[in-house]
Structures are given as C-alpha cells and as structure tokens.
C-alpha atoms as a PDB file:
ATOM      1  CA  MET A   1       0.017  -0.048   0.224  1.00  0.00           C
ATOM      2  CA  ASP A   2       1.574   3.049  -0.934  1.00  0.00           C
ATOM      3  CA  VAL A   3       0.579   5.852   1.903  1.00  0.00           C
ATOM      4  CA  VAL A   4       1.118   9.614   1.399  1.00  0.00           C
ATOM      5  CA  ILE A   5       1.723  11.833   4.387  1.00  0.00           C
ATOM      6  CA  ARG A   6       0.432  15.336   4.344  1.00  0.00           C
ATOM      7  CA  ARG A   7      -1.190  18.456   5.946  1.00  0.00           C
ATOM      8  CA  ALA A   8      -4.882  17.703   6.073  1.00  0.00           C
ATOM      9  CA  ARG A   9      -7.035  19.406   2.958  1.00  0.00           C
ATOM     10  CA  GLU A  10     -10.550  20.437   3.000  1.00  0.00           C
ATOM     11  CA  ARG A  11     -11.644  16.895   1.827  1.00  0.00           C
ATOM     12  CA  ASP A  12      -9.835  15.454   4.440  1.00  0.00           C
ATOM     13  CA  LEU A  13     -11.426  16.906   7.711  1.00  0.00           C
ATOM     14  CA  GLU A  14     -14.775  15.151   7.917  1.00  0.00           C
ATOM     15  CA  PRO A  15     -13.599  11.672   6.978  1.00  0.00           C
ATOM     16  CA  ALA A  16     -10.137  12.526   9.613  1.00  0.00           C
ATOM     17  CA  GLY A  17     -12.587  13.156  12.108  1.00  0.00           C
ATOM     18  CA  GLU A  18     -14.904  10.433  11.926  1.00  0.00           C
ATOM     19  CA  LEU A  19     -11.995   8.363  11.750  1.00  0.00           C
ATOM     20  CA  SER A  20     -10.977   9.574  15.140  1.00  0.00           C
ATOM     21  CA  VAL A  21     -13.968   9.262  16.694  1.00  0.00           C
ATOM     22  CA  GLU A  22     -14.516   5.914  15.439  1.00  0.00           C
ATOM     23  CA  VAL A  23     -10.795   4.781  16.826  1.00  0.00           C
ATOM     24  CA  TYR A  24     -11.072   6.180  19.985  1.00  0.00           C
ATOM     25  CA  VAL A  25     -14.526   5.228  21.035  1.00  0.00           C
ATOM     26  CA  GLY A  26     -14.483   1.553  19.008  1.00  0.00           C
ATOM     27  CA  ASP A  27     -10.695   0.941  21.244  1.00  0.00           C
ATOM     28  CA  GLY A  28     -12.814   2.208  24.275  1.00  0.00           C
ATOM     29  CA  TYR A  29     -10.771   5.030  25.034  1.00  0.00           C
ATOM     30  CA  SER A  30     -13.465   7.973  24.910  1.00  0.00           C
ATOM     31  CA  LEU A  31     -17.330   8.044  25.114  1.00  0.00           C
ATOM     32  CA  ALA A  32     -19.261   8.310  21.758  1.00  0.00           C
ATOM     33  CA  GLU A  33     -20.785  11.606  22.872  1.00  0.00           C
ATOM     34  CA  GLY A  34     -18.306  12.653  25.768  1.00  0.00           C
ATOM     35  CA  PRO A  35     -16.254  15.984  25.222  1.00  0.00           C
ATOM     36  CA  TYR A  36     -13.504  13.972  24.101  1.00  0.00           C
ATOM     37  CA  ALA A  37     -15.464  12.755  21.019  1.00  0.00           C
ATOM     38  CA  GLY A  38     -16.507  16.480  20.506  1.00  0.00           C
ATOM     39  CA  LEU A  39     -12.539  17.572  20.142  1.00  0.00           C
ATOM     40  CA  LEU A  40     -11.569  14.264  17.923  1.00  0.00           C
ATOM     41  CA  ARG A  41     -14.522  15.255  15.657  1.00  0.00           C
ATOM     42  CA  ASP A  42     -13.407  18.778  15.267  1.00  0.00           C
ATOM     43  CA  THR A  43     -10.912  18.517  12.702  1.00  0.00           C
ATOM     44  CA  ARG A  44     -11.438  21.826  11.366  1.00  0.00           C
ATOM     45  CA  ARG A  45     -10.398  23.396  14.794  1.00  0.00           C
ATOM     46  CA  ARG A  46      -7.251  21.056  15.035  1.00  0.00           C
ATOM     47  CA  SER A  47      -6.339  21.909  11.525  1.00  0.00           C
ATOM     48  CA  GLU A  48      -6.741  25.316  12.101  1.00  0.00           C
ATOM     49  CA  GLU A  49      -5.379  26.170  15.891  1.00  0.00           C
ATOM     50  CA  ALA A  50      -2.393  23.241  15.383  1.00  0.00           C
ATOM     51  CA  GLU A  51      -1.441  20.883  12.517  1.00  0.00           C
ATOM     52  CA  LEU A  52      -3.624  18.188  11.114  1.00  0.00           C
ATOM     53  CA  LEU A  53      -1.592  15.513   9.462  1.00  0.00           C
ATOM     54  CA  VAL A  54      -2.991  12.916   7.378  1.00  0.00           C
ATOM     55  CA  ALA A  55      -1.978   9.423   6.138  1.00  0.00           C
ATOM     56  CA  VAL A  56      -3.822   8.564   2.925  1.00  0.00           C
ATOM     57  CA  ASP A  57      -3.760   5.910   0.041  1.00  0.00           C
ATOM     58  CA  GLY A  58      -1.885   7.198  -2.741  1.00  0.00           C
ATOM     59  CA  ARG A  59      -4.242   5.468  -5.204  1.00  0.00           C
ATOM     60  CA  ASP A  60      -7.444   6.823  -4.008  1.00  0.00           C
ATOM     61  CA  GLU A  61      -6.375   9.634  -0.993  1.00  0.00           C
ATOM     62  CA  HIS A  62      -8.641   7.553   1.072  1.00  0.00           C
ATOM     63  CA  VAL A  63      -8.119   8.362   5.084  1.00  0.00           C
ATOM     64  CA  LEU A  64      -6.031   5.681   6.618  1.00  0.00           C
ATOM     65  CA  GLY A  65      -4.977   7.762   9.820  1.00  0.00           C
ATOM     66  CA  CYS A  66      -4.475  11.219  11.434  1.00  0.00           C
ATOM     67  CA  VAL A  67      -2.393  12.719  14.084  1.00  0.00           C
ATOM     68  CA  THR A  68      -2.632  16.594  15.369  1.00  0.00           C
ATOM     69  CA  PHE A  69       0.984  18.465  15.856  1.00  0.00           C
ATOM     70  CA  ALA A  70       1.351  21.169  18.182  1.00  0.00           C
ATOM     71  CA  VAL A  71       4.312  22.867  19.411  1.00  0.00           C
ATOM     72  CA  GLY A  72       4.748  23.369  23.031  1.00  0.00           C
ATOM     73  CA  GLY A  73       3.231  26.208  24.687  1.00  0.00           C
ATOM     74  CA  THR A  74       0.360  26.865  22.419  1.00  0.00           C
ATOM     75  CA  ALA A  75      -3.540  25.843  22.796  1.00  0.00           C
ATOM     76  CA  TRP A  76      -3.120  22.171  21.739  1.00  0.00           C
ATOM     77  CA  ALA A  77       0.002  21.143  23.638  1.00  0.00           C
ATOM     78  CA  ASP A  78      -0.856  19.355  26.900  1.00  0.00           C
ATOM     79  CA  ILE A  79       2.601  18.519  28.031  1.00  0.00           C
ATOM     80  CA  SER A  80       5.577  19.649  26.093  1.00  0.00           C
ATOM     81  CA  GLN A  81       7.470  22.742  26.466  1.00  0.00           C
ATOM     82  CA  PRO A  82       7.960  25.537  24.257  1.00  0.00           C
ATOM     83  CA  ASP A  83      11.205  23.768  22.561  1.00  0.00           C
ATOM     84  CA  GLU A  84       9.405  20.917  21.597  1.00  0.00           C
ATOM     85  CA  GLY A  85       6.580  19.382  19.060  1.00  0.00           C
ATOM     86  CA  GLU A  86       3.505  17.490  20.522  1.00  0.00           C
ATOM     87  CA  ILE A  87       1.425  15.168  19.065  1.00  0.00           C
ATOM     88  CA  ARG A  88      -2.239  14.580  20.138  1.00  0.00           C
ATOM     89  CA  MET A  89      -4.893  11.860  18.801  1.00  0.00           C
ATOM     90  CA  LEU A  90      -3.065   9.632  16.730  1.00  0.00           C
ATOM     91  CA  ALA A  91      -5.539   7.226  15.052  1.00  0.00           C
ATOM     92  CA  VAL A  92      -5.346   4.658  12.569  1.00  0.00           C
ATOM     93  CA  ALA A  93      -8.303   2.797  10.621  1.00  0.00           C
ATOM     94  CA  ARG A  94      -8.253  -0.725  11.677  1.00  0.00           C
ATOM     95  CA  ALA A  95      -7.702  -1.983   8.129  1.00  0.00           C
ATOM     96  CA  ALA A  96      -4.534   0.126   7.800  1.00  0.00           C
ATOM     97  CA  ARG A  97      -2.970  -1.068  11.141  1.00  0.00           C
ATOM     98  CA  GLY A  98       0.283  -2.937  11.062  1.00  0.00           C
ATOM     99  CA  ARG A  99       1.205  -1.334   7.912  1.00  0.00           C
ATOM    100  CA  GLY A 100       3.408   1.505   8.725  1.00  0.00           C
ATOM    101  CA  VAL A 101       0.835   4.037   8.868  1.00  0.00           C
ATOM    102  CA  GLY A 102       1.455   4.993  12.752  1.00  0.00           C
ATOM    103  CA  SER A 103       4.986   5.279  12.377  1.00  0.00           C
ATOM    104  CA  ALA A 104       4.698   6.875   9.326  1.00  0.00           C
ATOM    105  CA  LEU A 105       2.694   9.942  10.944  1.00  0.00           C
ATOM    106  CA  VAL A 106       5.051   9.942  14.216  1.00  0.00           C
ATOM    107  CA  ARG A 107       8.197  10.358  12.114  1.00  0.00           C
ATOM    108  CA  ALA A 108       5.965  13.168   9.970  1.00  0.00           C
ATOM    109  CA  ALA A 109       5.592  14.822  13.206  1.00  0.00           C
ATOM    110  CA  MET A 110       9.354  14.481  13.991  1.00  0.00           C
ATOM    111  CA  ASP A 111      10.345  16.017  10.526  1.00  0.00           C
ATOM    112  CA  ARG A 112       8.023  18.729  11.203  1.00  0.00           C
ATOM    113  CA  SER A 113       9.717  19.531  14.737  1.00  0.00           C
ATOM    114  CA  ARG A 114      12.941  19.781  13.336  1.00  0.00           C
ATOM    115  CA  GLU A 115      11.650  21.829  10.490  1.00  0.00           C
ATOM    116  CA  LEU A 116      10.608  23.931  12.997  1.00  0.00           C
ATOM    117  CA  GLY A 117      13.886  23.836  14.813  1.00  0.00           C
ATOM    118  CA  LEU A 118      12.653  22.593  18.345  1.00  0.00           C
ATOM    119  CA  THR A 119      14.748  20.185  20.346  1.00  0.00           C
ATOM    120  CA  GLY A 120      12.619  17.074  20.752  1.00  0.00           C
ATOM    121  CA  MET A 121       9.078  16.063  21.522  1.00  0.00           C
ATOM    122  CA  ALA A 122       6.909  15.041  24.040  1.00  0.00           C
ATOM    123  CA  PHE A 123       3.442  13.695  24.330  1.00  0.00           C
ATOM    124  CA  SER A 124       0.870  11.641  26.321  1.00  0.00           C
ATOM    125  CA  THR A 125      -0.268   8.088  25.896  1.00  0.00           C
ATOM    126  CA  ARG A 126      -2.801   6.349  28.048  1.00  0.00           C
ATOM    127  CA  PRO A 127      -1.328   3.544  29.682  1.00  0.00           C
ATOM    128  CA  ASP A 128      -3.203   0.724  27.775  1.00  0.00           C
ATOM    129  CA  MET A 129      -2.689   1.910  24.433  1.00  0.00           C
ATOM    130  CA  THR A 130       0.051  -0.898  24.057  1.00  0.00           C
ATOM    131  CA  ASP A 131       0.632  -0.955  20.114  1.00  0.00           C
ATOM    132  CA  ALA A 132       0.951   2.901  20.094  1.00  0.00           C
ATOM    133  CA  HIS A 133       3.851   2.326  23.302  1.00  0.00           C
ATOM    134  CA  ARG A 134       5.912  -0.078  20.650  1.00  0.00           C
ATOM    135  CA  VAL A 135       5.757   2.285  18.012  1.00  0.00           C
ATOM    136  CA  TYR A 136       7.088   5.422  19.495  1.00  0.00           C
ATOM    137  CA  GLU A 137       9.820   3.017  21.399  1.00  0.00           C
ATOM    138  CA  ARG A 138      10.718   1.660  18.188  1.00  0.00           C
ATOM    139  CA  LEU A 139      10.936   5.300  16.859  1.00  0.00           C
ATOM    140  CA  GLY A 140      13.511   6.195  20.058  1.00  0.00           C
ATOM    141  CA  PHE A 141      11.142   7.822  22.081  1.00  0.00           C
ATOM    142  CA  ARG A 142      11.686   7.051  25.895  1.00  0.00           C
ATOM    143  CA  ARG A 143       9.424   6.845  28.930  1.00  0.00           C
ATOM    144  CA  ALA A 144       9.793  10.248  30.928  1.00  0.00           C
ATOM    145  CA  PRO A 145       7.714   9.226  33.965  1.00  0.00           C
ATOM    146  CA  GLU A 146       8.718  12.378  35.786  1.00  0.00           C
ATOM    147  CA  ARG A 147       6.183  13.971  33.541  1.00  0.00           C
ATOM    148  CA  ASP A 148       3.263  11.568  33.867  1.00  0.00           C
ATOM    149  CA  TRP A 149       0.112  13.592  34.793  1.00  0.00           C
ATOM    150  CA  ALA A 150      -3.872  13.038  35.025  1.00  0.00           C
ATOM    151  CA  PRO A 151      -6.054  15.919  33.059  1.00  0.00           C
ATOM    152  CA  MET A 152      -8.944  14.152  35.425  1.00  0.00           C
ATOM    153  CA  PRO A 153      -9.440  12.060  38.022  1.00  0.00           C
ATOM    154  CA  GLY A 154      -9.299   8.712  36.775  1.00  0.00           C
ATOM    155  CA  ILE A 155      -7.175   9.398  33.420  1.00  0.00           C
ATOM    156  CA  ASP A 156      -3.692   8.868  34.096  1.00  0.00           C
ATOM    157  CA  LEU A 157      -1.652   9.789  31.257  1.00  0.00           C
ATOM    158  CA  MET A 158       2.132   8.353  30.608  1.00  0.00           C
ATOM    159  CA  VAL A 159       4.769  10.803  28.598  1.00  0.00           C
ATOM    160  CA  TYR A 160       6.926   9.416  26.016  1.00  0.00           C
ATOM    161  CA  ALA A 161       9.776  11.902  24.850  1.00  0.00           C
ATOM    162  CA  LEU A 162      12.629  12.264  22.638  1.00  0.00           C
ATOM    163  CA  THR A 163      15.719  14.744  22.168  1.00  0.00           C
ATOM    164  CA  PHE A 164      17.276  15.238  18.944  1.00  0.00           C
END
C-alpha cells in the first residue's frame, strides 16, 4: 500500500474526524458522545489551531489515519515545553493497522519538529495504548515518568519524550 503523509486538506477533514472518533470510541478510550469525542471530531479546529497531518492511500486518497501536531506552549499542547513538538489524537483505521501508517505519521511530526528548529518532542499516552507505545519506542522515544500527569481523576497519562 502506497501511503502519503501530508497536511489535511478540506476534503480530509470530515473523514479524519469520523476516523478519530471511530478509533477512540471503538477501542474504548472515549465515550461516543463525551466532550473528548467532540474534540476528536472537530478536525477543522484542530487544523486551524494546530496542524492536522493525515495518512492517505496514494491511489484514492482515502484517509487511513491522522494526528494533531502542536508546538509546546500552544493551545493544543498539553505536556510539551516551548522547544518541543507534541502529537495528540493519533488514530489509524483498523484496516490500515500493522502497515506502518502510525509510524509514518509520528515520523512526519518528528520531521515537522526538526523543520521548526525544536529540540525534541514530548506527548501523552494512556497506559493501555500498548500498540502505540511499541511504535514510539521503535522510533526512539523513551518514557519520561517524571512528566506523567492526570488531566482529570481516573485518566492517568504516561509521557514519552525524545531529544533530537
């Protein structure tokens, strides 16, 4: 499968939002009608206030995955410092999993961080997102337990970081 990673275009916004909700709700990380599902679905806002990167099939441009990229200290950055990039809401369609789509999206965010002259990246993940953890570790990210945090009671987040 030929996968292309790029900034989201107008036609990508709705499919990327629906894919994000489908993945997070389907995998049990969000309630279908909860406030987080609303953020996942609002790809227009994500693309305007941060950068929304999409993975599309090179043949038909079908959205296979997406991730929000932000610079530390901006509205969509939760844990990164101003000299770090951050990813949020990484989602890969079930049918595209195991094909390198998630890795390609994370590498694109790493490249974007370097383009912007940032010194590294840091981001949060849930403890039970073990498939994603393997992707991060293969790409050189390491756990930063001193930065772990909880946005609300019962939602414990682990932090992964990488210095370039």
